[in-house]
Amino acid sequence: MSIENLRELSIMELENKILDLKKELMESRFSLATSQIEDTSIFKKIKKEIAQASTLLNEKRNELKMKEIVDE
């Protein structure tokens, strides 16, 4: 999923996406341990997507906090 697509997601959807990616990373590690996976570059790709989603989630949460502070 590209960064543009991640930007369109809500806070709840980003949280769910991060959980899904972490599950995918865990499953990939199990696949590697059982020699079912050959391409180890998938780990880097999943970790990068988790980092991007986490960054966007933090940005959206900070924006929400700033709006709350301004509204007060």
PDB file of N, CA and C in Angstrom:
ATOM      1  N   MET A   1       0.846  -1.169   0.000  1.00  0.00           N
ATOM      2  CA  MET A   1       0.000   0.000   0.000  1.00  0.00           C
ATOM      3  C   MET A   1       0.894   1.234   0.000  1.00  0.00           C
ATOM      4  N   SER A   2       0.578   2.180  -0.878  1.00  0.00           N
ATOM      5  CA  SER A   2       1.416   3.369  -0.992  1.00  0.00           C
ATOM      6  C   SER A   2       1.084   4.364   0.113  1.00  0.00           C
ATOM      7  N   ILE A   3       1.962   5.325   0.278  1.00  0.00           N
ATOM      8  CA  ILE A   3       1.797   6.325   1.326  1.00  0.00           C
ATOM      9  C   ILE A   3       0.555   7.176   1.066  1.00  0.00           C
ATOM     10  N   GLU A   4       0.235   7.410  -0.209  1.00  0.00           N
ATOM     11  CA  GLU A   4      -0.963   8.188  -0.542  1.00  0.00           C
ATOM     12  C   GLU A   4      -2.217   7.453  -0.073  1.00  0.00           C
ATOM     13  N   ASN A   5      -2.249   6.141  -0.262  1.00  0.00           N
ATOM     14  CA  ASN A   5      -3.393   5.342   0.181  1.00  0.00           C
ATOM     15  C   ASN A   5      -3.486   5.321   1.706  1.00  0.00           C
ATOM     16  N   LEU A   6      -2.348   5.286   2.374  1.00  0.00           N
ATOM     17  CA  LEU A   6      -2.343   5.283   3.834  1.00  0.00           C
ATOM     18  C   LEU A   6      -2.861   6.616   4.373  1.00  0.00           C
ATOM     19  N   ARG A   7      -2.558   7.723   3.688  1.00  0.00           N
ATOM     20  CA  ARG A   7      -3.009   9.042   4.134  1.00  0.00           C
ATOM     21  C   ARG A   7      -4.532   9.164   4.128  1.00  0.00           C
ATOM     22  N   GLU A   8      -5.194   8.402   3.278  1.00  0.00           N
ATOM     23  CA  GLU A   8      -6.643   8.466   3.163  1.00  0.00           C
ATOM     24  C   GLU A   8      -7.355   7.714   4.290  1.00  0.00           C
ATOM     25  N   LEU A   9      -6.634   6.871   5.018  1.00  0.00           N
ATOM     26  CA  LEU A   9      -7.248   6.069   6.067  1.00  0.00           C
ATOM     27  C   LEU A   9      -7.488   6.897   7.332  1.00  0.00           C
ATOM     28  N   SER A  10      -8.497   6.493   8.084  1.00  0.00           N
ATOM     29  CA  SER A  10      -8.782   7.148   9.362  1.00  0.00           C
ATOM     30  C   SER A  10      -7.831   6.596  10.429  1.00  0.00           C
ATOM     31  N   ILE A  11      -7.928   7.177  11.627  1.00  0.00           N
ATOM     32  CA  ILE A  11      -7.069   6.735  12.732  1.00  0.00           C
ATOM     33  C   ILE A  11      -7.327   5.269  13.058  1.00  0.00           C
ATOM     34  N   MET A  12      -8.605   4.891  13.136  1.00  0.00           N
ATOM     35  CA  MET A  12      -8.957   3.506  13.460  1.00  0.00           C
ATOM     36  C   MET A  12      -8.472   2.544  12.371  1.00  0.00           C
ATOM     37  N   GLU A  13      -8.616   2.944  11.124  1.00  0.00           N
ATOM     38  CA  GLU A  13      -8.171   2.099  10.016  1.00  0.00           C
ATOM     39  C   GLU A  13      -6.652   1.945  10.020  1.00  0.00           C
ATOM     40  N   LEU A  14      -5.936   3.009  10.367  1.00  0.00           N
ATOM     41  CA  LEU A  14      -4.476   2.922  10.464  1.00  0.00           C
ATOM     42  C   LEU A  14      -4.051   1.975  11.586  1.00  0.00           C
ATOM     43  N   GLU A  15      -4.739   2.059  12.723  1.00  0.00           N
ATOM     44  CA  GLU A  15      -4.426   1.146  13.829  1.00  0.00           C
ATOM     45  C   GLU A  15      -4.636  -0.304  13.398  1.00  0.00           C
ATOM     46  N   ASN A  16      -5.734  -0.566  12.695  1.00  0.00           N
ATOM     47  CA  ASN A  16      -6.007  -1.924  12.221  1.00  0.00           C
ATOM     48  C   ASN A  16      -4.981  -2.363  11.183  1.00  0.00           C
ATOM     49  N   LYS A  17      -4.568  -1.447  10.321  1.00  0.00           N
ATOM     50  CA  LYS A  17      -3.557  -1.756   9.297  1.00  0.00           C
ATOM     51  C   LYS A  17      -2.230  -2.130   9.962  1.00  0.00           C
ATOM     52  N   ILE A  18      -1.853  -1.396  10.987  1.00  0.00           N
ATOM     53  CA  ILE A  18      -0.602  -1.693  11.697  1.00  0.00           C
ATOM     54  C   ILE A  18      -0.674  -3.071  12.342  1.00  0.00           C
ATOM     55  N   LEU A  19      -1.803  -3.390  12.959  1.00  0.00           N
ATOM     56  CA  LEU A  19      -1.964  -4.722  13.562  1.00  0.00           C
ATOM     57  C   LEU A  19      -1.863  -5.818  12.506  1.00  0.00           C
ATOM     58  N   ASP A  20      -2.507  -5.604  11.364  1.00  0.00           N
ATOM     59  CA  ASP A  20      -2.451  -6.586  10.279  1.00  0.00           C
ATOM     60  C   ASP A  20      -1.021  -6.778   9.774  1.00  0.00           C
ATOM     61  N   LEU A  21      -0.293  -5.673   9.643  1.00  0.00           N
ATOM     62  CA  LEU A  21       1.091  -5.761   9.174  1.00  0.00           C
ATOM     63  C   LEU A  21       1.979  -6.479  10.179  1.00  0.00           C
ATOM     64  N   LYS A  22       1.745  -6.241  11.464  1.00  0.00           N
ATOM     65  CA  LYS A  22       2.531  -6.940  12.489  1.00  0.00           C
ATOM     66  C   LYS A  22       2.245  -8.438  12.472  1.00  0.00           C
ATOM     67  N   LYS A  23       0.982  -8.812  12.239  1.00  0.00           N
ATOM     68  CA  LYS A  23       0.640 -10.232  12.117  1.00  0.00           C
ATOM     69  C   LYS A  23       1.309 -10.840  10.899  1.00  0.00           C
ATOM     70  N   GLU A  24       1.316 -10.076   9.796  1.00  0.00           N
ATOM     71  CA  GLU A  24       1.952 -10.554   8.567  1.00  0.00           C
ATOM     72  C   GLU A  24       3.457 -10.747   8.777  1.00  0.00           C
ATOM     73  N   LEU A  25       4.076  -9.836   9.514  1.00  0.00           N
ATOM     74  CA  LEU A  25       5.500  -9.953   9.808  1.00  0.00           C
ATOM     75  C   LEU A  25       5.778 -11.199  10.644  1.00  0.00           C
ATOM     76  N   MET A  26       4.943 -11.448  11.639  1.00  0.00           N
ATOM     77  CA  MET A  26       5.110 -12.628  12.486  1.00  0.00           C
ATOM     78  C   MET A  26       4.950 -13.914  11.663  1.00  0.00           C
ATOM     79  N   GLU A  27       3.931 -13.939  10.811  1.00  0.00           N
ATOM     80  CA  GLU A  27       3.704 -15.115   9.977  1.00  0.00           C
ATOM     81  C   GLU A  27       4.871 -15.337   9.020  1.00  0.00           C
ATOM     82  N   SER A  28       5.438 -14.255   8.518  1.00  0.00           N
ATOM     83  CA  SER A  28       6.586 -14.364   7.620  1.00  0.00           C
ATOM     84  C   SER A  28       7.798 -14.924   8.357  1.00  0.00           C
ATOM     85  N   ARG A  29       7.962 -14.522   9.606  1.00  0.00           N
ATOM     86  CA  ARG A  29       9.077 -15.061  10.399  1.00  0.00           C
ATOM     87  C   ARG A  29       8.913 -16.560  10.629  1.00  0.00           C
ATOM     88  N   PHE A  30       7.664 -16.985  10.893  1.00  0.00           N
ATOM     89  CA  PHE A  30       7.421 -18.414  11.045  1.00  0.00           C
ATOM     90  C   PHE A  30       7.693 -19.166   9.741  1.00  0.00           C
ATOM     91  N   SER A  31       7.311 -18.562   8.627  1.00  0.00           N
ATOM     92  CA  SER A  31       7.559 -19.178   7.327  1.00  0.00           C
ATOM     93  C   SER A  31       9.049 -19.310   7.070  1.00  0.00           C
ATOM     94  N   LEU A  32       9.816 -18.312   7.472  1.00  0.00           N
ATOM     95  CA  LEU A  32      11.264 -18.371   7.305  1.00  0.00           C
ATOM     96  C   LEU A  32      11.852 -19.478   8.178  1.00  0.00           C
ATOM     97  N   ALA A  33      11.346 -19.598   9.393  1.00  0.00           N
ATOM     98  CA  ALA A  33      11.862 -20.610  10.316  1.00  0.00           C
ATOM     99  C   ALA A  33      11.582 -22.019   9.815  1.00  0.00           C
ATOM    100  N   THR A  34      10.487 -22.189   9.094  1.00  0.00           N
ATOM    101  CA  THR A  34      10.140 -23.513   8.578  1.00  0.00           C
ATOM    102  C   THR A  34      10.584 -23.691   7.120  1.00  0.00           C
ATOM    103  N   SER A  35      11.440 -22.790   6.660  1.00  0.00           N
ATOM    104  CA  SER A  35      12.015 -22.847   5.309  1.00  0.00           C
ATOM    105  C   SER A  35      10.967 -22.800   4.208  1.00  0.00           C
ATOM    106  N   GLN A  36       9.872 -22.108   4.432  1.00  0.00           N
ATOM    107  CA  GLN A  36       8.847 -21.973   3.409  1.00  0.00           C
ATOM    108  C   GLN A  36       9.000 -20.680   2.618  1.00  0.00           C
ATOM    109  N   ILE A  37       9.907 -19.831   3.055  1.00  0.00           N
ATOM    110  CA  ILE A  37      10.099 -18.549   2.387  1.00  0.00           C
ATOM    111  C   ILE A  37      11.565 -18.398   2.012  1.00  0.00           C
ATOM    112  N   GLU A  38      11.791 -17.923   0.804  1.00  0.00           N
ATOM    113  CA  GLU A  38      13.158 -17.758   0.315  1.00  0.00           C
ATOM    114  C   GLU A  38      13.552 -16.276   0.259  1.00  0.00           C
ATOM    115  N   ASP A  39      12.589 -15.427  -0.075  1.00  0.00           N
ATOM    116  CA  ASP A  39      12.844 -14.000  -0.253  1.00  0.00           C
ATOM    117  C   ASP A  39      12.753 -13.273   1.087  1.00  0.00           C
ATOM    118  N   THR A  40      13.883 -12.947   1.668  1.00  0.00           N
ATOM    119  CA  THR A  40      13.892 -12.303   2.980  1.00  0.00           C
ATOM    120  C   THR A  40      13.708 -10.794   2.886  1.00  0.00           C
ATOM    121  N   SER A  41      13.661 -10.248   1.682  1.00  0.00           N
ATOM    122  CA  SER A  41      13.455  -8.798   1.545  1.00  0.00           C
ATOM    123  C   SER A  41      12.052  -8.391   1.969  1.00  0.00           C
ATOM    124  N   ILE A  42      11.170  -9.344   2.088  1.00  0.00           N
ATOM    125  CA  ILE A  42       9.795  -9.053   2.515  1.00  0.00           C
ATOM    126  C   ILE A  42       9.769  -8.461   3.921  1.00  0.00           C
ATOM    127  N   PHE A  43      10.718  -8.843   4.766  1.00  0.00           N
ATOM    128  CA  PHE A  43      10.779  -8.321   6.130  1.00  0.00           C
ATOM    129  C   PHE A  43      11.003  -6.806   6.117  1.00  0.00           C
ATOM    130  N   LYS A  44      11.937  -6.368   5.299  1.00  0.00           N
ATOM    131  CA  LYS A  44      12.239  -4.943   5.201  1.00  0.00           C
ATOM    132  C   LYS A  44      11.025  -4.179   4.676  1.00  0.00           C
ATOM    133  N   LYS A  45      10.333  -4.737   3.686  1.00  0.00           N
ATOM    134  CA  LYS A  45       9.165  -4.078   3.113  1.00  0.00           C
ATOM    135  C   LYS A  45       8.043  -3.936   4.134  1.00  0.00           C
ATOM    136  N   ILE A  46       7.794  -4.992   4.896  1.00  0.00           N
ATOM    137  CA  ILE A  46       6.727  -4.945   5.908  1.00  0.00           C
ATOM    138  C   ILE A  46       7.084  -3.960   7.006  1.00  0.00           C
ATOM    139  N   LYS A  47       8.341  -3.991   7.471  1.00  0.00           N
ATOM    140  CA  LYS A  47       8.769  -3.061   8.521  1.00  0.00           C
ATOM    141  C   LYS A  47       8.663  -1.613   8.056  1.00  0.00           C
ATOM    142  N   LYS A  48       8.992  -1.362   6.797  1.00  0.00           N
ATOM    143  CA  LYS A  48       8.894  -0.009   6.250  1.00  0.00           C
ATOM    144  C   LYS A  48       7.445   0.447   6.229  1.00  0.00           C
ATOM    145  N   GLU A  49       6.539  -0.425   5.832  1.00  0.00           N
ATOM    146  CA  GLU A  49       5.127  -0.056   5.785  1.00  0.00           C
ATOM    147  C   GLU A  49       4.567   0.171   7.197  1.00  0.00           C
ATOM    148  N   ILE A  50       5.029  -0.633   8.163  1.00  0.00           N
ATOM    149  CA  ILE A  50       4.614  -0.417   9.552  1.00  0.00           C
ATOM    150  C   ILE A  50       5.083   0.961  10.026  1.00  0.00           C
ATOM    151  N   ALA A  51       6.322   1.309   9.707  1.00  0.00           N
ATOM    152  CA  ALA A  51       6.868   2.601  10.117  1.00  0.00           C
ATOM    153  C   ALA A  51       6.096   3.755   9.473  1.00  0.00           C
ATOM    154  N   GLN A  52       5.766   3.624   8.194  1.00  0.00           N
ATOM    155  CA  GLN A  52       5.013   4.677   7.514  1.00  0.00           C
ATOM    156  C   GLN A  52       3.630   4.846   8.132  1.00  0.00           C
ATOM    157  N   ALA A  53       2.959   3.738   8.374  1.00  0.00           N
ATOM    158  CA  ALA A  53       1.621   3.794   8.960  1.00  0.00           C
ATOM    159  C   ALA A  53       1.674   4.379  10.373  1.00  0.00           C
ATOM    160  N   SER A  54       2.688   4.000  11.137  1.00  0.00           N
ATOM    161  CA  SER A  54       2.833   4.537  12.500  1.00  0.00           C
ATOM    162  C   SER A  54       3.089   6.042  12.480  1.00  0.00           C
ATOM    163  N   THR A  55       3.896   6.496  11.548  1.00  0.00           N
ATOM    164  CA  THR A  55       4.185   7.915  11.424  1.00  0.00           C
ATOM    165  C   THR A  55       2.916   8.692  11.086  1.00  0.00           C
ATOM    166  N   LEU A  56       2.155   8.187  10.129  1.00  0.00           N
ATOM    167  CA  LEU A  56       0.909   8.853   9.759  1.00  0.00           C
ATOM    168  C   LEU A  56      -0.097   8.839  10.907  1.00  0.00           C
ATOM    169  N   LEU A  57      -0.135   7.747  11.636  1.00  0.00           N
ATOM    170  CA  LEU A  57      -1.033   7.656  12.788  1.00  0.00           C
ATOM    171  C   LEU A  57      -0.677   8.717  13.825  1.00  0.00           C
ATOM    172  N   ASN A  58       0.605   8.865  14.106  1.00  0.00           N
ATOM    173  CA  ASN A  58       1.051   9.887  15.059  1.00  0.00           C
ATOM    174  C   ASN A  58       0.730  11.292  14.564  1.00  0.00           C
ATOM    175  N   GLU A  59       0.912  11.537  13.263  1.00  0.00           N
ATOM    176  CA  GLU A  59       0.596  12.840  12.700  1.00  0.00           C
ATOM    177  C   GLU A  59      -0.892  13.156  12.863  1.00  0.00           C
ATOM    178  N   LYS A  60      -1.744  12.169  12.554  1.00  0.00           N
ATOM    179  CA  LYS A  60      -3.185  12.379  12.661  1.00  0.00           C
ATOM    180  C   LYS A  60      -3.616  12.596  14.113  1.00  0.00           C
ATOM    181  N   ARG A  61      -3.020  11.850  15.035  1.00  0.00           N
ATOM    182  CA  ARG A  61      -3.339  12.036  16.449  1.00  0.00           C
ATOM    183  C   ARG A  61      -2.905  13.423  16.927  1.00  0.00           C
ATOM    184  N   ASN A  62      -1.727  13.875  16.488  1.00  0.00           N
ATOM    185  CA  ASN A  62      -1.249  15.205  16.874  1.00  0.00           C
ATOM    186  C   ASN A  62      -2.144  16.298  16.302  1.00  0.00           C
ATOM    187  N   GLU A  63      -2.588  16.126  15.060  1.00  0.00           N
ATOM    188  CA  GLU A  63      -3.503  17.093  14.459  1.00  0.00           C
ATOM    189  C   GLU A  63      -4.798  17.174  15.258  1.00  0.00           C
ATOM    190  N   LEU A  64      -5.303  16.023  15.663  1.00  0.00           N
ATOM    191  CA  LEU A  64      -6.538  15.972  16.450  1.00  0.00           C
ATOM    192  C   LEU A  64      -6.363  16.680  17.785  1.00  0.00           C
ATOM    193  N   LYS A  65      -5.216  16.459  18.442  1.00  0.00           N
ATOM    194  CA  LYS A  65      -4.936  17.123  19.714  1.00  0.00           C
ATOM    195  C   LYS A  65      -4.840  18.637  19.530  1.00  0.00           C
ATOM    196  N   MET A  66      -4.195  19.044  18.456  1.00  0.00           N
ATOM    197  CA  MET A  66      -4.046  20.482  18.193  1.00  0.00           C
ATOM    198  C   MET A  66      -5.411  21.131  17.948  1.00  0.00           C
ATOM    199  N   LYS A  67      -6.289  20.445  17.237  1.00  0.00           N
ATOM    200  CA  LYS A  67      -7.640  20.971  16.995  1.00  0.00           C
ATOM    201  C   LYS A  67      -8.398  21.100  18.307  1.00  0.00           C
ATOM    202  N   GLU A  68      -8.228  20.127  19.197  1.00  0.00           N
ATOM    203  CA  GLU A  68      -8.899  20.181  20.488  1.00  0.00           C
ATOM    204  C   GLU A  68      -8.396  21.345  21.327  1.00  0.00           C
ATOM    205  N   ILE A  69      -7.100  21.603  21.274  1.00  0.00           N
ATOM    206  CA  ILE A  69      -6.511  22.691  22.036  1.00  0.00           C
ATOM    207  C   ILE A  69      -6.994  24.030  21.479  1.00  0.00           C
ATOM    208  N   VAL A  70      -7.049  24.160  20.175  1.00  0.00           N
ATOM    209  CA  VAL A  70      -7.482  25.400  19.555  1.00  0.00           C
ATOM    210  C   VAL A  70      -8.953  25.668  19.823  1.00  0.00           C
ATOM    211  N   ASP A  71      -9.763  24.616  19.844  1.00  0.00           N
ATOM    212  CA  ASP A  71     -11.199  24.756  20.075  1.00  0.00           C
ATOM    213  C   ASP A  71     -11.529  25.167  21.508  1.00  0.00           C
ATOM    214  N   GLU A  72     -10.632  24.906  22.424  1.00  0.00           N
ATOM    215  CA  GLU A  72     -10.868  25.250  23.828  1.00  0.00           C
ATOM    216  C   GLU A  72     -10.694  26.675  24.093  1.00  0.00           C
TER     217      GLU A  72
END
